[in-house]
N, C-alpha and C. Protein backbone atom coordinates (compact mmCIF):
# COMPACT_ATOMS: atom_id res chain seq x y z
N MET A 1 76.60 70.42 95.94
CA MET A 1 75.95 71.58 96.54
C MET A 1 75.90 71.46 98.06
N LEU A 2 75.65 70.22 98.55
CA LEU A 2 75.60 70.00 99.99
C LEU A 2 76.95 70.32 100.63
N LYS A 3 78.04 69.91 99.97
CA LYS A 3 79.38 70.18 100.51
C LYS A 3 79.65 71.69 100.52
N ARG A 4 79.22 72.40 99.49
CA ARG A 4 79.43 73.85 99.44
C ARG A 4 78.66 74.54 100.57
N LEU A 5 77.42 74.11 100.81
CA LEU A 5 76.63 74.67 101.90
C LEU A 5 77.29 74.37 103.25
N PHE A 6 77.81 73.16 103.39
CA PHE A 6 78.52 72.77 104.60
C PHE A 6 79.73 73.69 104.83
N ASP A 7 80.49 73.96 103.75
CA ASP A 7 81.65 74.84 103.85
C ASP A 7 81.25 76.25 104.29
N LEU A 8 80.23 76.79 103.65
CA LEU A 8 79.80 78.15 103.97
C LEU A 8 79.25 78.24 105.39
N PHE A 9 78.51 77.22 105.81
CA PHE A 9 77.90 77.19 107.14
C PHE A 9 78.96 77.22 108.24
N LEU A 10 80.11 76.56 107.99
CA LEU A 10 81.16 76.51 109.01
C LEU A 10 82.24 77.58 108.81
N ALA A 11 82.57 77.90 107.56
CA ALA A 11 83.70 78.80 107.30
C ALA A 11 83.46 80.22 107.80
N LEU A 12 82.26 80.74 107.62
CA LEU A 12 82.00 82.12 108.03
C LEU A 12 82.10 82.29 109.55
N PRO A 13 81.44 81.44 110.36
CA PRO A 13 81.63 81.55 111.81
C PRO A 13 83.09 81.32 112.24
N LEU A 14 83.77 80.38 111.59
CA LEU A 14 85.17 80.13 111.91
C LEU A 14 86.03 81.35 111.62
N LEU A 15 85.74 82.03 110.52
CA LEU A 15 86.50 83.22 110.16
C LEU A 15 86.30 84.32 111.22
N ILE A 16 85.08 84.49 111.67
CA ILE A 16 84.79 85.49 112.69
C ILE A 16 85.48 85.14 114.00
N LEU A 17 85.41 83.86 114.39
CA LEU A 17 86.01 83.42 115.65
C LEU A 17 87.54 83.49 115.64
N THR A 18 88.14 83.21 114.50
CA THR A 18 89.60 83.15 114.44
C THR A 18 90.24 84.46 113.99
N PHE A 19 89.43 85.46 113.64
CA PHE A 19 90.01 86.70 113.15
C PHE A 19 90.96 87.35 114.17
N PRO A 20 90.63 87.38 115.46
CA PRO A 20 91.60 87.93 116.43
C PRO A 20 92.93 87.18 116.42
N LEU A 21 92.89 85.85 116.27
CA LEU A 21 94.12 85.06 116.18
C LEU A 21 94.91 85.42 114.92
N MET A 22 94.20 85.62 113.82
CA MET A 22 94.87 86.01 112.57
C MET A 22 95.53 87.37 112.73
N ALA A 23 94.82 88.30 113.36
CA ALA A 23 95.36 89.65 113.55
C ALA A 23 96.60 89.61 114.45
N PHE A 24 96.54 88.82 115.52
CA PHE A 24 97.69 88.69 116.44
C PHE A 24 98.88 88.05 115.72
N SER A 25 98.61 87.03 114.93
CA SER A 25 99.67 86.35 114.17
C SER A 25 100.30 87.31 113.17
N ALA A 26 99.47 88.11 112.51
CA ALA A 26 99.96 89.09 111.54
C ALA A 26 100.87 90.11 112.23
N LEU A 27 100.48 90.55 113.41
CA LEU A 27 101.29 91.51 114.17
C LEU A 27 102.66 90.92 114.51
N LEU A 28 102.68 89.65 114.94
CA LEU A 28 103.95 89.00 115.27
C LEU A 28 104.87 88.90 114.05
N VAL A 29 104.29 88.55 112.90
CA VAL A 29 105.08 88.45 111.67
C VAL A 29 105.66 89.82 111.32
N TYR A 30 104.83 90.85 111.42
CA TYR A 30 105.27 92.20 111.09
C TYR A 30 106.40 92.66 112.01
N LEU A 31 106.25 92.40 113.30
CA LEU A 31 107.26 92.84 114.27
C LEU A 31 108.60 92.11 114.06
N GLU A 32 108.54 90.85 113.63
CA GLU A 32 109.79 90.10 113.44
C GLU A 32 110.44 90.38 112.10
N ASP A 33 109.64 90.46 111.03
CA ASP A 33 110.25 90.49 109.70
C ASP A 33 109.58 91.47 108.73
N GLY A 34 108.72 92.34 109.23
CA GLY A 34 108.11 93.35 108.37
C GLY A 34 107.08 92.79 107.39
N MET A 35 106.84 93.57 106.35
CA MET A 35 105.87 93.19 105.32
C MET A 35 106.57 92.31 104.28
N PRO A 36 105.82 91.51 103.50
CA PRO A 36 104.37 91.30 103.56
C PRO A 36 103.99 90.33 104.67
N ILE A 37 102.74 90.42 105.10
CA ILE A 37 102.22 89.52 106.13
C ILE A 37 101.71 88.24 105.48
N LEU A 38 100.97 88.41 104.41
CA LEU A 38 100.39 87.25 103.72
C LEU A 38 101.35 86.69 102.68
N TYR A 39 101.32 85.39 102.54
CA TYR A 39 102.08 84.71 101.51
C TYR A 39 101.06 84.16 100.52
N ARG A 40 101.20 84.55 99.27
CA ARG A 40 100.29 84.11 98.22
C ARG A 40 101.04 83.17 97.30
N GLN A 41 100.49 81.98 97.10
CA GLN A 41 101.18 81.01 96.26
C GLN A 41 100.19 80.37 95.30
N GLU A 42 100.63 80.23 94.06
CA GLU A 42 99.80 79.58 93.05
C GLU A 42 99.74 78.08 93.34
N ARG A 43 98.53 77.53 93.38
CA ARG A 43 98.33 76.12 93.60
C ARG A 43 97.36 75.56 92.57
N VAL A 44 97.34 74.23 92.49
CA VAL A 44 96.44 73.55 91.54
C VAL A 44 95.17 73.16 92.28
N GLY A 45 94.04 73.57 91.74
CA GLY A 45 92.76 73.28 92.36
C GLY A 45 91.94 72.26 91.59
N LYS A 46 90.63 72.35 91.75
CA LYS A 46 89.71 71.42 91.11
C LYS A 46 89.86 71.49 89.58
N HIS A 47 89.84 70.33 88.94
CA HIS A 47 89.98 70.19 87.49
C HIS A 47 91.31 70.76 86.99
N GLY A 48 92.31 70.87 87.88
CA GLY A 48 93.62 71.35 87.48
C GLY A 48 93.72 72.85 87.29
N GLU A 49 92.66 73.59 87.68
CA GLU A 49 92.69 75.05 87.53
C GLU A 49 93.58 75.67 88.60
N LEU A 50 94.34 76.69 88.22
CA LEU A 50 95.25 77.36 89.15
C LEU A 50 94.50 78.42 89.95
N PHE A 51 94.88 78.57 91.21
CA PHE A 51 94.31 79.62 92.04
C PHE A 51 95.38 80.09 93.02
N GLU A 52 95.11 81.22 93.66
CA GLU A 52 96.06 81.80 94.61
C GLU A 52 95.66 81.43 96.03
N MET A 53 96.51 80.62 96.68
CA MET A 53 96.24 80.19 98.05
C MET A 53 96.87 81.18 99.03
N LEU A 54 96.14 81.50 100.08
CA LEU A 54 96.61 82.47 101.07
C LEU A 54 97.12 81.78 102.33
N LYS A 55 98.23 82.28 102.85
CA LYS A 55 98.76 81.82 104.14
C LYS A 55 99.39 83.02 104.83
N ILE A 56 99.55 82.94 106.13
CA ILE A 56 100.37 83.93 106.83
C ILE A 56 101.83 83.52 106.61
N ARG A 57 102.66 84.48 106.26
CA ARG A 57 104.06 84.17 105.91
C ARG A 57 104.82 83.64 107.13
N THR A 58 105.47 82.50 106.94
CA THR A 58 106.24 81.88 108.03
C THR A 58 107.72 81.76 107.69
N MET A 59 108.10 82.16 106.48
CA MET A 59 109.50 82.08 106.07
C MET A 59 110.07 83.46 105.80
N VAL A 60 111.38 83.51 105.64
CA VAL A 60 112.04 84.77 105.27
C VAL A 60 111.53 85.21 103.90
N LYS A 61 111.72 86.47 103.58
CA LYS A 61 111.12 87.04 102.39
C LYS A 61 111.60 86.41 101.08
N ASN A 62 112.84 85.97 101.02
CA ASN A 62 113.38 85.40 99.77
C ASN A 62 113.41 83.88 99.81
N ALA A 63 112.45 83.28 100.52
CA ALA A 63 112.47 81.83 100.77
C ALA A 63 112.47 80.99 99.49
N GLU A 64 111.68 81.39 98.50
CA GLU A 64 111.57 80.57 97.29
C GLU A 64 112.90 80.50 96.52
N SER A 65 113.68 81.58 96.57
CA SER A 65 114.97 81.57 95.87
C SER A 65 115.98 80.68 96.59
N LEU A 66 115.68 80.31 97.84
CA LEU A 66 116.58 79.45 98.64
C LEU A 66 116.12 78.00 98.67
N GLN A 67 115.07 77.66 97.91
CA GLN A 67 114.50 76.31 97.95
C GLN A 67 115.54 75.23 97.66
N ARG A 68 116.41 75.49 96.68
CA ARG A 68 117.39 74.47 96.29
C ARG A 68 118.36 74.12 97.43
N LEU A 69 118.51 75.02 98.40
CA LEU A 69 119.43 74.77 99.51
C LEU A 69 118.89 73.76 100.50
N VAL A 70 117.56 73.53 100.49
CA VAL A 70 116.96 72.62 101.48
C VAL A 70 116.44 71.32 100.85
N GLU A 71 116.35 71.28 99.53
CA GLU A 71 115.87 70.05 98.88
C GLU A 71 116.90 68.93 99.05
N ARG A 72 116.40 67.73 99.26
CA ARG A 72 117.28 66.57 99.37
C ARG A 72 116.51 65.35 98.86
N ARG A 73 117.20 64.24 98.70
CA ARG A 73 116.57 63.01 98.24
C ARG A 73 116.62 61.96 99.33
N ASP A 74 115.53 61.17 99.43
CA ASP A 74 115.53 60.08 100.41
C ASP A 74 116.17 58.84 99.80
N VAL A 75 116.14 57.73 100.51
CA VAL A 75 116.83 56.52 100.05
C VAL A 75 116.25 55.95 98.75
N THR A 76 115.00 56.30 98.44
CA THR A 76 114.39 55.81 97.20
C THR A 76 114.62 56.75 96.02
N GLY A 77 115.27 57.89 96.28
CA GLY A 77 115.51 58.86 95.23
C GLY A 77 114.43 59.91 95.09
N THR A 78 113.42 59.86 95.97
CA THR A 78 112.33 60.83 95.94
C THR A 78 112.81 62.16 96.53
N THR A 79 112.51 63.27 95.84
CA THR A 79 112.91 64.59 96.33
C THR A 79 112.06 65.00 97.52
N ILE A 80 112.70 65.42 98.60
CA ILE A 80 112.03 65.92 99.80
C ILE A 80 112.09 67.44 99.76
N TYR A 81 110.93 68.09 99.78
CA TYR A 81 110.87 69.54 99.66
C TYR A 81 110.68 70.24 101.01
N LYS A 82 110.35 69.47 102.03
CA LYS A 82 110.02 70.06 103.32
C LYS A 82 110.76 69.31 104.41
N THR A 83 111.52 70.04 105.23
CA THR A 83 112.29 69.40 106.30
C THR A 83 111.98 70.06 107.64
N ARG A 84 112.16 69.29 108.69
CA ARG A 84 111.85 69.78 110.03
C ARG A 84 112.73 70.96 110.45
N ASP A 85 113.99 70.97 109.97
CA ASP A 85 114.93 72.01 110.38
C ASP A 85 115.18 73.05 109.28
N ASP A 86 114.18 73.35 108.48
CA ASP A 86 114.31 74.30 107.37
C ASP A 86 114.78 75.66 107.91
N PRO A 87 115.97 76.12 107.50
CA PRO A 87 116.50 77.37 108.03
C PRO A 87 115.76 78.62 107.55
N ARG A 88 114.90 78.46 106.56
CA ARG A 88 114.17 79.62 106.02
C ARG A 88 112.98 80.01 106.90
N VAL A 89 112.56 79.12 107.79
CA VAL A 89 111.41 79.39 108.65
C VAL A 89 111.83 80.31 109.80
N THR A 90 111.08 81.38 110.00
CA THR A 90 111.39 82.33 111.06
C THR A 90 110.99 81.78 112.43
N ARG A 91 111.41 82.45 113.49
CA ARG A 91 111.04 82.01 114.84
C ARG A 91 109.53 82.07 115.04
N VAL A 92 108.93 83.18 114.62
CA VAL A 92 107.47 83.30 114.70
C VAL A 92 106.82 82.26 113.79
N GLY A 93 107.40 82.05 112.63
CA GLY A 93 106.88 81.08 111.68
C GLY A 93 106.81 79.68 112.25
N ARG A 94 107.83 79.28 113.01
CA ARG A 94 107.82 77.94 113.64
C ARG A 94 106.65 77.81 114.60
N TRP A 95 106.38 78.86 115.35
CA TRP A 95 105.27 78.84 116.31
C TRP A 95 103.94 78.79 115.56
N LEU A 96 103.81 79.59 114.50
CA LEU A 96 102.56 79.61 113.72
C LEU A 96 102.31 78.24 113.10
N ARG A 97 103.36 77.61 112.56
CA ARG A 97 103.22 76.29 111.96
C ARG A 97 102.88 75.24 113.01
N ARG A 98 103.45 75.37 114.18
CA ARG A 98 103.21 74.39 115.25
C ARG A 98 101.72 74.25 115.53
N PHE A 99 100.98 75.37 115.47
CA PHE A 99 99.54 75.35 115.74
C PHE A 99 98.70 75.61 114.49
N SER A 100 99.34 75.53 113.32
CA SER A 100 98.66 75.71 112.02
C SER A 100 97.93 77.05 111.89
N LEU A 101 98.39 78.06 112.62
CA LEU A 101 97.76 79.37 112.53
C LEU A 101 98.03 80.04 111.19
N ASP A 102 99.11 79.64 110.52
CA ASP A 102 99.43 80.21 109.21
C ASP A 102 98.40 79.83 108.15
N GLU A 103 97.61 78.78 108.43
CA GLU A 103 96.62 78.29 107.46
C GLU A 103 95.29 79.05 107.54
N LEU A 104 95.08 79.83 108.59
CA LEU A 104 93.77 80.46 108.80
C LEU A 104 93.28 81.33 107.64
N PRO A 105 94.15 82.09 106.94
CA PRO A 105 93.63 82.89 105.82
C PRO A 105 93.00 82.07 104.71
N GLN A 106 93.22 80.76 104.70
CA GLN A 106 92.60 79.92 103.68
C GLN A 106 91.09 79.85 103.85
N LEU A 107 90.59 80.32 104.99
CA LEU A 107 89.14 80.43 105.14
C LEU A 107 88.57 81.39 104.09
N PHE A 108 89.36 82.40 103.69
CA PHE A 108 88.93 83.29 102.61
C PHE A 108 88.87 82.53 101.29
N ASN A 109 89.80 81.60 101.09
CA ASN A 109 89.75 80.75 99.89
C ASN A 109 88.48 79.89 99.89
N VAL A 110 88.09 79.40 101.07
CA VAL A 110 86.87 78.59 101.16
C VAL A 110 85.65 79.44 100.80
N LEU A 111 85.59 80.65 101.35
CA LEU A 111 84.45 81.52 101.06
C LEU A 111 84.39 81.88 99.58
N SER A 112 85.54 82.02 98.94
CA SER A 112 85.55 82.39 97.53
C SER A 112 85.26 81.20 96.61
N GLY A 113 85.29 79.98 97.18
CA GLY A 113 84.96 78.80 96.38
C GLY A 113 86.14 78.14 95.70
N THR A 114 87.37 78.59 95.99
CA THR A 114 88.55 77.95 95.39
C THR A 114 89.07 76.80 96.25
N MET A 115 88.62 76.73 97.50
CA MET A 115 88.99 75.64 98.39
C MET A 115 87.78 75.19 99.19
N SER A 116 87.92 74.04 99.83
CA SER A 116 86.90 73.51 100.74
C SER A 116 87.54 73.41 102.12
N LEU A 117 86.74 73.25 103.15
CA LEU A 117 87.31 73.02 104.48
C LEU A 117 88.08 71.71 104.50
N VAL A 118 87.53 70.68 103.85
CA VAL A 118 88.15 69.35 103.84
C VAL A 118 88.33 68.90 102.40
N GLY A 119 89.51 68.38 102.11
CA GLY A 119 89.78 67.88 100.77
C GLY A 119 91.26 67.58 100.61
N PRO A 120 91.68 67.19 99.42
CA PRO A 120 93.10 66.97 99.17
C PRO A 120 93.89 68.26 99.34
N ARG A 121 95.14 68.14 99.76
CA ARG A 121 95.98 69.33 99.91
C ARG A 121 96.22 69.96 98.54
N PRO A 122 96.08 71.29 98.41
CA PRO A 122 96.32 71.93 97.12
C PRO A 122 97.79 71.78 96.70
N GLU A 123 98.01 71.30 95.51
CA GLU A 123 99.36 70.97 95.05
C GLU A 123 100.06 72.15 94.39
N ILE A 124 101.39 72.15 94.47
CA ILE A 124 102.22 73.13 93.79
C ILE A 124 102.29 72.73 92.31
N PRO A 125 102.13 73.69 91.38
CA PRO A 125 102.05 73.34 89.95
C PRO A 125 103.20 72.49 89.43
N HIS A 126 104.45 72.81 89.78
CA HIS A 126 105.55 72.04 89.19
C HIS A 126 105.60 70.61 89.70
N LEU A 127 105.00 70.36 90.88
CA LEU A 127 104.90 68.98 91.37
C LEU A 127 103.75 68.26 90.69
N ALA A 128 102.65 68.98 90.46
CA ALA A 128 101.49 68.39 89.78
C ALA A 128 101.84 67.94 88.37
N GLU A 129 102.76 68.64 87.73
CA GLU A 129 103.17 68.27 86.37
C GLU A 129 103.83 66.90 86.32
N LYS A 130 104.38 66.45 87.46
CA LYS A 130 105.07 65.17 87.52
C LYS A 130 104.13 64.01 87.90
N TYR A 131 102.86 64.32 88.13
CA TYR A 131 101.91 63.30 88.54
C TYR A 131 101.71 62.25 87.45
N GLU A 132 101.53 61.03 87.88
CA GLU A 132 101.10 59.97 86.99
C GLU A 132 99.58 60.08 86.83
N PRO A 133 99.01 59.48 85.76
CA PRO A 133 97.56 59.63 85.53
C PRO A 133 96.70 59.27 86.74
N TRP A 134 97.03 58.19 87.47
CA TRP A 134 96.20 57.79 88.61
C TRP A 134 96.21 58.83 89.73
N GLN A 135 97.31 59.60 89.84
CA GLN A 135 97.40 60.60 90.89
C GLN A 135 96.55 61.83 90.61
N ARG A 136 96.23 62.05 89.34
CA ARG A 136 95.50 63.26 88.96
C ARG A 136 94.03 63.21 89.39
N GLU A 137 93.58 62.06 89.88
CA GLU A 137 92.21 61.97 90.39
C GLU A 137 91.99 62.91 91.58
N ARG A 138 93.07 63.27 92.26
CA ARG A 138 92.92 64.16 93.41
C ARG A 138 92.44 65.55 92.99
N PHE A 139 92.52 65.87 91.68
CA PHE A 139 92.04 67.16 91.19
C PHE A 139 90.56 67.12 90.79
N SER A 140 89.87 66.02 91.11
CA SER A 140 88.46 65.92 90.75
C SER A 140 87.56 66.64 91.76
N VAL A 141 88.12 67.07 92.88
CA VAL A 141 87.37 67.79 93.91
C VAL A 141 88.15 69.03 94.33
N LEU A 142 87.48 69.91 95.06
CA LEU A 142 88.17 71.10 95.58
C LEU A 142 89.24 70.68 96.60
N PRO A 143 90.39 71.34 96.59
CA PRO A 143 91.39 71.08 97.63
C PRO A 143 90.89 71.62 98.97
N GLY A 144 91.44 71.10 100.06
CA GLY A 144 90.96 71.49 101.38
C GLY A 144 92.02 72.08 102.29
N ILE A 145 91.57 72.79 103.31
CA ILE A 145 92.47 73.30 104.35
C ILE A 145 93.03 72.12 105.14
N THR A 146 92.16 71.18 105.44
CA THR A 146 92.59 69.96 106.11
C THR A 146 92.07 68.77 105.32
N GLY A 147 92.55 67.59 105.67
CA GLY A 147 92.13 66.41 104.93
C GLY A 147 92.55 65.13 105.62
N TRP A 148 92.30 64.02 104.94
CA TRP A 148 92.56 62.70 105.52
C TRP A 148 94.04 62.50 105.84
N TRP A 149 94.94 62.96 104.94
CA TRP A 149 96.36 62.74 105.22
C TRP A 149 96.87 63.68 106.31
N GLN A 150 96.29 64.89 106.40
CA GLN A 150 96.76 65.82 107.43
C GLN A 150 96.50 65.28 108.84
N ILE A 151 95.38 64.58 109.02
CA ILE A 151 95.09 64.07 110.37
C ILE A 151 95.79 62.75 110.65
N ASN A 152 96.33 62.12 109.61
CA ASN A 152 96.98 60.84 109.80
C ASN A 152 98.51 60.92 109.79
N SER A 153 99.06 62.00 109.18
CA SER A 153 100.52 62.06 109.14
C SER A 153 101.09 63.47 109.04
N ARG A 154 100.33 64.44 108.57
CA ARG A 154 100.81 65.81 108.33
C ARG A 154 102.09 65.80 107.51
N SER A 155 103.20 66.31 108.04
CA SER A 155 104.44 66.41 107.24
C SER A 155 105.35 65.21 107.38
N ASP A 156 104.90 64.16 108.07
CA ASP A 156 105.77 63.06 108.42
C ASP A 156 105.87 61.94 107.38
N GLN A 157 105.21 62.07 106.24
CA GLN A 157 105.26 61.01 105.24
C GLN A 157 105.65 61.57 103.87
N PRO A 158 106.22 60.74 102.99
CA PRO A 158 106.54 61.18 101.63
C PRO A 158 105.28 61.59 100.88
N MET A 159 105.45 62.51 99.91
CA MET A 159 104.31 63.06 99.18
C MET A 159 103.48 61.99 98.47
N GLN A 160 104.11 60.92 97.96
CA GLN A 160 103.33 59.91 97.24
C GLN A 160 102.32 59.22 98.15
N LEU A 161 102.65 59.11 99.45
CA LEU A 161 101.69 58.52 100.39
C LEU A 161 100.58 59.50 100.71
N HIS A 162 100.86 60.79 100.66
CA HIS A 162 99.82 61.80 100.83
C HIS A 162 98.77 61.64 99.73
N VAL A 163 99.24 61.44 98.49
CA VAL A 163 98.32 61.29 97.36
C VAL A 163 97.41 60.09 97.58
N GLU A 164 97.95 58.99 98.06
CA GLU A 164 97.14 57.80 98.32
C GLU A 164 96.05 58.09 99.35
N LYS A 165 96.39 58.86 100.37
CA LYS A 165 95.40 59.21 101.40
C LYS A 165 94.35 60.16 100.83
N ASP A 166 94.77 61.08 99.95
CA ASP A 166 93.81 61.97 99.30
C ASP A 166 92.82 61.18 98.46
N LEU A 167 93.30 60.17 97.76
CA LEU A 167 92.42 59.35 96.92
C LEU A 167 91.46 58.53 97.79
N TYR A 168 91.94 58.07 98.94
CA TYR A 168 91.05 57.37 99.87
C TYR A 168 89.90 58.29 100.28
N TYR A 169 90.22 59.55 100.58
CA TYR A 169 89.18 60.51 100.97
C TYR A 169 88.16 60.69 99.86
N ILE A 170 88.64 60.89 98.63
CA ILE A 170 87.74 61.12 97.50
C ILE A 170 86.80 59.93 97.29
N GLN A 171 87.34 58.73 97.40
CA GLN A 171 86.57 57.51 97.15
C GLN A 171 85.59 57.19 98.28
N ASN A 172 85.82 57.77 99.47
CA ASN A 172 84.97 57.48 100.63
C ASN A 172 84.26 58.71 101.17
N TYR A 173 84.17 59.77 100.36
CA TYR A 173 83.64 61.04 100.83
C TYR A 173 82.21 60.93 101.39
N SER A 174 81.99 61.64 102.49
CA SER A 174 80.65 61.89 103.03
C SER A 174 80.75 63.09 103.96
N ILE A 175 79.62 63.72 104.24
CA ILE A 175 79.61 64.84 105.19
C ILE A 175 80.09 64.35 106.55
N TRP A 176 79.74 63.11 106.90
CA TRP A 176 80.15 62.56 108.20
C TRP A 176 81.66 62.37 108.27
N LEU A 177 82.27 61.99 107.14
CA LEU A 177 83.73 61.88 107.10
C LEU A 177 84.35 63.27 107.25
N ASP A 178 83.76 64.26 106.60
CA ASP A 178 84.26 65.63 106.75
C ASP A 178 84.21 66.08 108.21
N LEU A 179 83.09 65.81 108.87
CA LEU A 179 82.96 66.19 110.29
C LEU A 179 84.01 65.48 111.14
N GLN A 180 84.22 64.20 110.88
CA GLN A 180 85.22 63.43 111.62
C GLN A 180 86.62 64.03 111.42
N ILE A 181 86.93 64.39 110.18
CA ILE A 181 88.25 64.97 109.88
C ILE A 181 88.43 66.32 110.57
N ILE A 182 87.39 67.15 110.57
CA ILE A 182 87.47 68.46 111.23
C ILE A 182 87.71 68.31 112.73
N VAL A 183 86.96 67.41 113.36
CA VAL A 183 87.13 67.19 114.81
C VAL A 183 88.53 66.65 115.10
N ARG A 184 88.99 65.70 114.31
CA ARG A 184 90.32 65.13 114.54
C ARG A 184 91.42 66.14 114.22
N THR A 185 91.16 67.07 113.30
CA THR A 185 92.13 68.11 112.98
C THR A 185 92.41 68.98 114.21
N ILE A 186 91.36 69.30 114.95
CA ILE A 186 91.54 70.12 116.15
C ILE A 186 92.51 69.44 117.11
N TRP A 187 92.35 68.13 117.31
CA TRP A 187 93.23 67.38 118.21
C TRP A 187 94.65 67.33 117.67
N VAL A 188 94.81 67.06 116.37
CA VAL A 188 96.14 66.95 115.77
C VAL A 188 96.87 68.28 115.87
N VAL A 189 96.16 69.39 115.67
CA VAL A 189 96.77 70.72 115.77
C VAL A 189 97.21 70.99 117.21
N LEU A 190 96.36 70.63 118.16
CA LEU A 190 96.69 70.90 119.56
C LEU A 190 97.93 70.16 120.04
N ILE A 191 98.11 68.92 119.58
CA ILE A 191 99.29 68.17 120.00
C ILE A 191 100.50 68.47 119.11
N GLY A 192 100.25 69.12 117.96
CA GLY A 192 101.34 69.54 117.09
C GLY A 192 102.09 68.40 116.41
N LYS A 193 101.47 67.25 116.26
CA LYS A 193 102.14 66.11 115.66
C LYS A 193 102.45 66.34 114.18
N GLY A 194 103.71 66.17 113.82
CA GLY A 194 104.13 66.25 112.41
C GLY A 194 104.08 67.63 111.80
N ALA A 195 103.98 68.67 112.64
CA ALA A 195 103.89 70.03 112.10
C ALA A 195 105.26 70.68 111.99
N TYR A 196 105.65 71.02 110.76
CA TYR A 196 106.88 71.80 110.54
C TYR A 196 106.88 72.38 109.14
């Protein structure tokens, strides 16, 4: 309950403060590539329940059908789903990702109770199906807009290491850790480290 109150106390003012940025970002997306502005994707939330996560669209309209063109395997055989030079990302999309402005609509997810400000990154269902039992512990809490792995590596590490960082967060959770992560998120976003 304390974490939920913490989310509501911060998310509503943040939504009001960032709404002009969201509107400006939406206008840029519309001018470059038309509708839709929002990208809605099914993700796995607390207790493995599915929910619709909101983002400002940063890729071309048929991006999901082109996923196979960008997937590759690293030296260990692990599939890489996200690359720095993804051709599906639009020019405006690269700028939005650089400053994480595409994530702002997730504040609506926080207000609705499907996400938290801080927590494990919400997983894509077909990837969650491949989880080993120990990895599924990350579904014991609400997923977050930001989290321990986002401030420590963002897109620069393999997904299995992200899971380890998410589990570290769950095992060491406190309101003070959440505050530390939020403050450090602002710095990480400003320098744009690992954002793509």
